[in-house]
Amino acid sequence: MQERAIRGAITIPSDSADEIRTACSELISTIIRDNDLVAEDIITIFITITEDLRSLNPSAAIRTTFGWNDVPFFTSQEPTIDGMLPRCVRVLIQCYSQRKKSEIRHVYLRDAAKLRPDLTQ
């Protein structure tokens, strides 16, 4: 097993706790599925959110949805840049994996696919 980093992002239709919870669940579920991850392989999860998301901390949403009480999370706000994608949650998951770097599947969903079209499935 090698240490790897998996990137992902998703946009959220509106700033509501339910929408944030649903989107984060979709993003993390897809990352887990596409990379054959199990909770024990996850080292830490870094999350950034745009300033227009205030209803729920994505770390809390992910922790409670997946029951990951022993996974360290760190959430911060994205810097506000002209033209940036609104209502976006980005994640960087550090984990152990048997996959080569070239086999890691980064996940960009909904409008976040615009951020990295080179990595979008």
N, C-alpha and C. Protein backbone atom coordinates (compact mmCIF):
# COMPACT_ATOMS: atom_id res chain seq x y z
N MET A 1 0.84 -1.19 0.00
CA MET A 1 0.00 0.00 0.00
C MET A 1 0.88 1.24 0.00
N GLN A 2 0.50 2.18 -0.82
CA GLN A 2 1.20 3.45 -0.93
C GLN A 2 0.25 4.58 -0.51
N GLU A 3 0.82 5.68 -0.05
CA GLU A 3 -0.01 6.84 0.25
C GLU A 3 -0.37 7.53 -1.06
N ARG A 4 -1.63 7.84 -1.21
CA ARG A 4 -2.14 8.50 -2.41
C ARG A 4 -3.03 9.67 -2.01
N ALA A 5 -3.30 10.55 -2.98
CA ALA A 5 -4.22 11.67 -2.78
C ALA A 5 -5.27 11.61 -3.88
N ILE A 6 -6.51 11.75 -3.47
CA ILE A 6 -7.63 11.72 -4.42
C ILE A 6 -8.34 13.06 -4.33
N ARG A 7 -8.52 13.69 -5.48
CA ARG A 7 -9.19 14.98 -5.54
C ARG A 7 -10.63 14.81 -5.99
N GLY A 8 -11.46 15.73 -5.58
CA GLY A 8 -12.84 15.71 -6.02
C GLY A 8 -13.51 17.03 -5.74
N ALA A 9 -14.62 17.26 -6.41
CA ALA A 9 -15.41 18.48 -6.19
C ALA A 9 -16.82 18.26 -6.68
N ILE A 10 -17.73 19.03 -6.12
CA ILE A 10 -19.12 18.98 -6.52
C ILE A 10 -19.74 20.34 -6.28
N THR A 11 -20.68 20.71 -7.11
CA THR A 11 -21.43 21.95 -6.89
C THR A 11 -22.77 21.59 -6.24
N ILE A 12 -23.32 22.58 -5.57
CA ILE A 12 -24.54 22.38 -4.79
C ILE A 12 -25.58 23.39 -5.28
N PRO A 13 -26.80 22.92 -5.57
CA PRO A 13 -27.82 23.81 -6.15
C PRO A 13 -28.17 25.02 -5.30
N SER A 14 -28.25 24.81 -3.97
CA SER A 14 -28.59 25.92 -3.09
C SER A 14 -27.95 25.70 -1.73
N ASP A 15 -27.82 26.78 -0.98
CA ASP A 15 -27.20 26.71 0.33
C ASP A 15 -28.22 26.23 1.36
N SER A 16 -28.38 24.93 1.44
CA SER A 16 -29.23 24.34 2.47
C SER A 16 -28.51 23.13 3.04
N ALA A 17 -28.78 22.84 4.29
CA ALA A 17 -28.13 21.70 4.95
C ALA A 17 -28.42 20.41 4.19
N ASP A 18 -29.64 20.22 3.75
CA ASP A 18 -29.99 18.99 3.02
C ASP A 18 -29.23 18.88 1.70
N GLU A 19 -29.13 19.97 0.97
CA GLU A 19 -28.42 19.95 -0.31
C GLU A 19 -26.93 19.67 -0.11
N ILE A 20 -26.34 20.28 0.91
CA ILE A 20 -24.92 20.05 1.20
C ILE A 20 -24.69 18.60 1.60
N ARG A 21 -25.54 18.08 2.48
CA ARG A 21 -25.43 16.68 2.92
C ARG A 21 -25.56 15.72 1.73
N THR A 22 -26.55 15.94 0.88
CA THR A 22 -26.77 15.08 -0.29
C THR A 22 -25.60 15.13 -1.25
N ALA A 23 -25.12 16.32 -1.55
CA ALA A 23 -24.01 16.48 -2.49
C ALA A 23 -22.73 15.85 -1.95
N CYS A 24 -22.44 16.08 -0.67
CA CYS A 24 -21.22 15.50 -0.08
C CYS A 24 -21.30 13.98 -0.06
N SER A 25 -22.47 13.45 0.23
CA SER A 25 -22.66 12.00 0.21
C SER A 25 -22.43 11.44 -1.20
N GLU A 26 -22.96 12.13 -2.21
CA GLU A 26 -22.77 11.70 -3.59
C GLU A 26 -21.29 11.73 -3.98
N LEU A 27 -20.60 12.80 -3.63
CA LEU A 27 -19.19 12.94 -3.97
C LEU A 27 -18.34 11.86 -3.30
N ILE A 28 -18.50 11.72 -2.00
CA ILE A 28 -17.68 10.75 -1.26
C ILE A 28 -18.02 9.32 -1.68
N SER A 29 -19.28 9.02 -1.87
CA SER A 29 -19.68 7.68 -2.32
C SER A 29 -19.05 7.34 -3.66
N THR A 30 -19.01 8.31 -4.55
CA THR A 30 -18.42 8.08 -5.87
C THR A 30 -16.92 7.88 -5.76
N ILE A 31 -16.25 8.68 -4.95
CA ILE A 31 -14.81 8.52 -4.74
C ILE A 31 -14.51 7.14 -4.16
N ILE A 32 -15.27 6.73 -3.16
CA ILE A 32 -15.08 5.41 -2.54
C ILE A 32 -15.25 4.31 -3.58
N ARG A 33 -16.34 4.37 -4.32
CA ARG A 33 -16.63 3.34 -5.33
C ARG A 33 -15.57 3.30 -6.43
N ASP A 34 -15.24 4.46 -6.95
CA ASP A 34 -14.31 4.52 -8.09
C ASP A 34 -12.87 4.17 -7.73
N ASN A 35 -12.55 4.22 -6.44
CA ASN A 35 -11.18 3.96 -6.00
C ASN A 35 -11.06 2.77 -5.05
N ASP A 36 -12.13 2.03 -4.89
CA ASP A 36 -12.13 0.84 -4.02
C ASP A 36 -11.59 1.15 -2.63
N LEU A 37 -12.06 2.25 -2.05
CA LEU A 37 -11.59 2.66 -0.72
C LEU A 37 -12.42 2.03 0.38
N VAL A 38 -11.78 1.83 1.51
CA VAL A 38 -12.47 1.48 2.75
C VAL A 38 -12.03 2.50 3.80
N ALA A 39 -12.85 2.70 4.78
CA ALA A 39 -12.58 3.74 5.79
C ALA A 39 -11.21 3.60 6.44
N GLU A 40 -10.76 2.39 6.67
CA GLU A 40 -9.48 2.16 7.33
C GLU A 40 -8.30 2.67 6.50
N ASP A 41 -8.50 2.85 5.20
CA ASP A 41 -7.43 3.32 4.32
C ASP A 41 -7.31 4.84 4.31
N ILE A 42 -8.31 5.55 4.83
CA ILE A 42 -8.32 7.01 4.77
C ILE A 42 -7.48 7.58 5.90
N ILE A 43 -6.55 8.45 5.52
CA ILE A 43 -5.66 9.10 6.48
C ILE A 43 -6.30 10.39 6.99
N THR A 44 -6.68 11.26 6.07
CA THR A 44 -7.31 12.53 6.42
C THR A 44 -8.05 13.07 5.21
N ILE A 45 -9.00 13.97 5.47
CA ILE A 45 -9.76 14.60 4.39
C ILE A 45 -9.69 16.10 4.58
N PHE A 46 -9.20 16.78 3.55
CA PHE A 46 -9.18 18.24 3.50
C PHE A 46 -10.34 18.69 2.63
N ILE A 47 -11.05 19.70 3.08
CA ILE A 47 -12.22 20.19 2.36
C ILE A 47 -12.14 21.71 2.27
N THR A 48 -12.50 22.24 1.10
CA THR A 48 -12.68 23.68 0.98
C THR A 48 -14.10 23.92 0.47
N ILE A 49 -14.66 25.06 0.89
CA ILE A 49 -15.99 25.45 0.45
C ILE A 49 -15.94 26.91 0.00
N THR A 50 -16.82 27.22 -0.91
CA THR A 50 -16.92 28.62 -1.34
C THR A 50 -17.69 29.41 -0.27
N GLU A 51 -17.50 30.70 -0.28
CA GLU A 51 -18.06 31.55 0.78
C GLU A 51 -19.58 31.58 0.79
N ASP A 52 -20.21 31.13 -0.27
CA ASP A 52 -21.67 31.17 -0.34
C ASP A 52 -22.34 29.93 0.25
N LEU A 53 -21.57 29.03 0.84
CA LEU A 53 -22.11 27.86 1.53
C LEU A 53 -21.92 28.03 3.03
N ARG A 54 -23.03 28.21 3.75
CA ARG A 54 -22.95 28.50 5.18
C ARG A 54 -23.87 27.63 6.03
N SER A 55 -24.73 26.83 5.41
CA SER A 55 -25.77 26.11 6.14
C SER A 55 -25.27 24.89 6.91
N LEU A 56 -24.22 24.25 6.42
CA LEU A 56 -23.72 23.04 7.06
C LEU A 56 -22.26 22.86 6.70
N ASN A 57 -21.45 22.50 7.68
CA ASN A 57 -20.05 22.20 7.43
C ASN A 57 -19.98 20.84 6.73
N PRO A 58 -19.38 20.78 5.55
CA PRO A 58 -19.28 19.49 4.84
C PRO A 58 -18.58 18.40 5.65
N SER A 59 -17.64 18.77 6.50
CA SER A 59 -16.98 17.77 7.35
C SER A 59 -18.00 17.08 8.24
N ALA A 60 -18.88 17.85 8.84
CA ALA A 60 -19.92 17.28 9.71
C ALA A 60 -20.86 16.40 8.90
N ALA A 61 -21.19 16.84 7.70
CA ALA A 61 -22.08 16.06 6.83
C ALA A 61 -21.47 14.71 6.50
N ILE A 62 -20.20 14.71 6.12
CA ILE A 62 -19.52 13.46 5.75
C ILE A 62 -19.32 12.58 6.97
N ARG A 63 -18.87 13.16 8.06
CA ARG A 63 -18.61 12.38 9.28
C ARG A 63 -19.87 11.65 9.74
N THR A 64 -21.00 12.36 9.78
CA THR A 64 -22.23 11.73 10.26
C THR A 64 -22.83 10.77 9.24
N THR A 65 -22.75 11.10 7.97
CA THR A 65 -23.30 10.22 6.94
C THR A 65 -22.57 8.89 6.89
N PHE A 66 -21.25 8.92 6.98
CA PHE A 66 -20.45 7.70 6.83
C PHE A 66 -19.99 7.12 8.17
N GLY A 67 -20.25 7.82 9.27
CA GLY A 67 -19.84 7.33 10.59
C GLY A 67 -18.35 7.34 10.79
N TRP A 68 -17.65 8.28 10.15
CA TRP A 68 -16.20 8.34 10.22
C TRP A 68 -15.75 9.23 11.37
N ASN A 69 -15.94 8.77 12.57
CA ASN A 69 -15.55 9.54 13.75
C ASN A 69 -14.07 9.51 14.02
N ASP A 70 -13.35 8.56 13.40
CA ASP A 70 -11.91 8.46 13.63
C ASP A 70 -11.08 8.99 12.45
N VAL A 71 -11.74 9.62 11.49
CA VAL A 71 -11.04 10.21 10.35
C VAL A 71 -10.85 11.71 10.62
N PRO A 72 -9.62 12.22 10.57
CA PRO A 72 -9.41 13.65 10.76
C PRO A 72 -9.90 14.44 9.53
N PHE A 73 -10.66 15.49 9.78
CA PHE A 73 -11.15 16.39 8.74
C PHE A 73 -10.58 17.78 8.98
N PHE A 74 -10.39 18.51 7.89
CA PHE A 74 -10.00 19.91 7.99
C PHE A 74 -10.76 20.66 6.91
N THR A 75 -11.54 21.65 7.31
CA THR A 75 -12.34 22.43 6.36
C THR A 75 -11.89 23.88 6.40
N SER A 76 -11.78 24.48 5.22
CA SER A 76 -11.47 25.89 5.14
C SER A 76 -12.25 26.50 3.99
N GLN A 77 -12.27 27.83 3.97
CA GLN A 77 -12.98 28.55 2.92
C GLN A 77 -12.05 28.83 1.75
N GLU A 78 -12.56 28.60 0.56
CA GLU A 78 -11.82 28.95 -0.66
C GLU A 78 -11.64 30.47 -0.71
N PRO A 79 -10.55 30.95 -1.24
CA PRO A 79 -10.44 32.40 -1.44
C PRO A 79 -11.44 32.82 -2.52
N THR A 80 -12.02 33.98 -2.34
CA THR A 80 -12.98 34.49 -3.32
C THR A 80 -12.22 35.08 -4.50
N ILE A 81 -12.43 34.49 -5.67
CA ILE A 81 -11.75 34.91 -6.89
C ILE A 81 -12.81 35.26 -7.93
N ASP A 82 -12.62 36.34 -8.65
CA ASP A 82 -13.57 36.71 -9.71
C ASP A 82 -13.75 35.54 -10.67
N GLY A 83 -15.00 35.23 -10.99
CA GLY A 83 -15.30 34.18 -11.94
C GLY A 83 -15.26 32.77 -11.39
N MET A 84 -15.07 32.64 -10.08
CA MET A 84 -14.99 31.29 -9.50
C MET A 84 -16.34 30.59 -9.55
N LEU A 85 -16.30 29.28 -9.49
CA LEU A 85 -17.49 28.46 -9.52
C LEU A 85 -18.24 28.62 -8.19
N PRO A 86 -19.51 29.00 -8.22
CA PRO A 86 -20.25 29.19 -6.97
C PRO A 86 -20.70 27.88 -6.34
N ARG A 87 -20.99 27.93 -5.04
CA ARG A 87 -21.53 26.81 -4.27
C ARG A 87 -20.80 25.51 -4.57
N CYS A 88 -19.51 25.52 -4.30
CA CYS A 88 -18.66 24.37 -4.64
C CYS A 88 -17.94 23.85 -3.39
N VAL A 89 -17.94 22.53 -3.28
CA VAL A 89 -17.18 21.84 -2.23
C VAL A 89 -16.08 21.05 -2.94
N ARG A 90 -14.85 21.25 -2.48
CA ARG A 90 -13.71 20.50 -3.01
C ARG A 90 -13.14 19.63 -1.90
N VAL A 91 -12.66 18.44 -2.26
CA VAL A 91 -12.06 17.55 -1.27
C VAL A 91 -10.71 17.06 -1.77
N LEU A 92 -9.84 16.80 -0.83
CA LEU A 92 -8.57 16.13 -1.07
C LEU A 92 -8.48 15.05 0.00
N ILE A 93 -8.53 13.81 -0.44
CA ILE A 93 -8.49 12.68 0.49
C ILE A 93 -7.11 12.04 0.42
N GLN A 94 -6.42 12.03 1.55
CA GLN A 94 -5.15 11.30 1.65
C GLN A 94 -5.50 9.90 2.15
N CYS A 95 -4.98 8.91 1.45
CA CYS A 95 -5.33 7.53 1.80
C CYS A 95 -4.20 6.58 1.42
N TYR A 96 -4.36 5.34 1.86
CA TYR A 96 -3.48 4.27 1.41
C TYR A 96 -4.21 3.51 0.32
N SER A 97 -3.47 3.12 -0.71
CA SER A 97 -4.08 2.42 -1.83
C SER A 97 -3.05 1.50 -2.48
N GLN A 98 -3.54 0.44 -3.07
CA GLN A 98 -2.67 -0.43 -3.85
C GLN A 98 -2.59 0.05 -5.30
N ARG A 99 -3.37 1.06 -5.64
CA ARG A 99 -3.37 1.58 -7.00
C ARG A 99 -2.13 2.44 -7.27
N LYS A 100 -1.71 2.43 -8.51
CA LYS A 100 -0.66 3.35 -8.95
C LYS A 100 -1.27 4.74 -9.03
N LYS A 101 -0.43 5.76 -9.01
CA LYS A 101 -0.94 7.13 -9.14
C LYS A 101 -1.80 7.29 -10.39
N SER A 102 -1.37 6.68 -11.46
CA SER A 102 -2.10 6.79 -12.73
C SER A 102 -3.45 6.08 -12.70
N GLU A 103 -3.68 5.23 -11.71
CA GLU A 103 -4.93 4.50 -11.60
C GLU A 103 -5.95 5.15 -10.66
N ILE A 104 -5.52 6.20 -9.97
CA ILE A 104 -6.43 6.91 -9.07
C ILE A 104 -7.48 7.63 -9.91
N ARG A 105 -8.72 7.53 -9.47
CA ARG A 105 -9.84 8.18 -10.17
C ARG A 105 -10.27 9.41 -9.38
N HIS A 106 -9.95 10.58 -9.90
CA HIS A 106 -10.40 11.83 -9.30
C HIS A 106 -11.82 12.07 -9.77
N VAL A 107 -12.64 12.70 -8.92
CA VAL A 107 -14.08 12.79 -9.19
C VAL A 107 -14.53 14.24 -9.15
N TYR A 108 -15.06 14.71 -10.27
CA TYR A 108 -15.61 16.06 -10.37
C TYR A 108 -17.03 15.94 -10.90
N LEU A 109 -18.00 16.28 -10.06
CA LEU A 109 -19.40 16.06 -10.38
C LEU A 109 -20.16 17.37 -10.59
N ARG A 110 -21.25 17.25 -11.32
CA ARG A 110 -22.13 18.39 -11.63
C ARG A 110 -21.29 19.46 -12.34
N ASP A 111 -21.51 20.72 -12.02
CA ASP A 111 -20.77 21.80 -12.69
C ASP A 111 -19.28 21.80 -12.33
N ALA A 112 -18.90 21.11 -11.28
CA ALA A 112 -17.49 21.05 -10.90
C ALA A 112 -16.65 20.32 -11.95
N ALA A 113 -17.30 19.59 -12.85
CA ALA A 113 -16.57 18.94 -13.94
C ALA A 113 -15.82 19.97 -14.79
N LYS A 114 -16.29 21.22 -14.77
CA LYS A 114 -15.63 22.30 -15.51
C LYS A 114 -14.25 22.63 -14.93
N LEU A 115 -14.04 22.31 -13.66
CA LEU A 115 -12.78 22.65 -13.01
C LEU A 115 -11.61 21.85 -13.56
N ARG A 116 -11.86 20.58 -13.85
CA ARG A 116 -10.80 19.70 -14.36
C ARG A 116 -11.35 18.78 -15.45
N PRO A 117 -11.65 19.32 -16.62
CA PRO A 117 -12.19 18.47 -17.68
C PRO A 117 -11.22 17.35 -18.09
N ASP A 118 -9.94 17.56 -17.84
CA ASP A 118 -8.95 16.53 -18.16
C ASP A 118 -9.05 15.31 -17.24
N LEU A 119 -9.70 15.49 -16.08
CA LEU A 119 -9.82 14.38 -15.13
C LEU A 119 -11.26 13.84 -15.04
N THR A 120 -12.17 14.51 -15.72
CA THR A 120 -13.58 14.12 -15.63
C THR A 120 -13.83 12.87 -16.44
N GLN A 121 -14.59 11.98 -15.85
CA GLN A 121 -14.90 10.70 -16.50
C GLN A 121 -15.83 10.90 -17.67
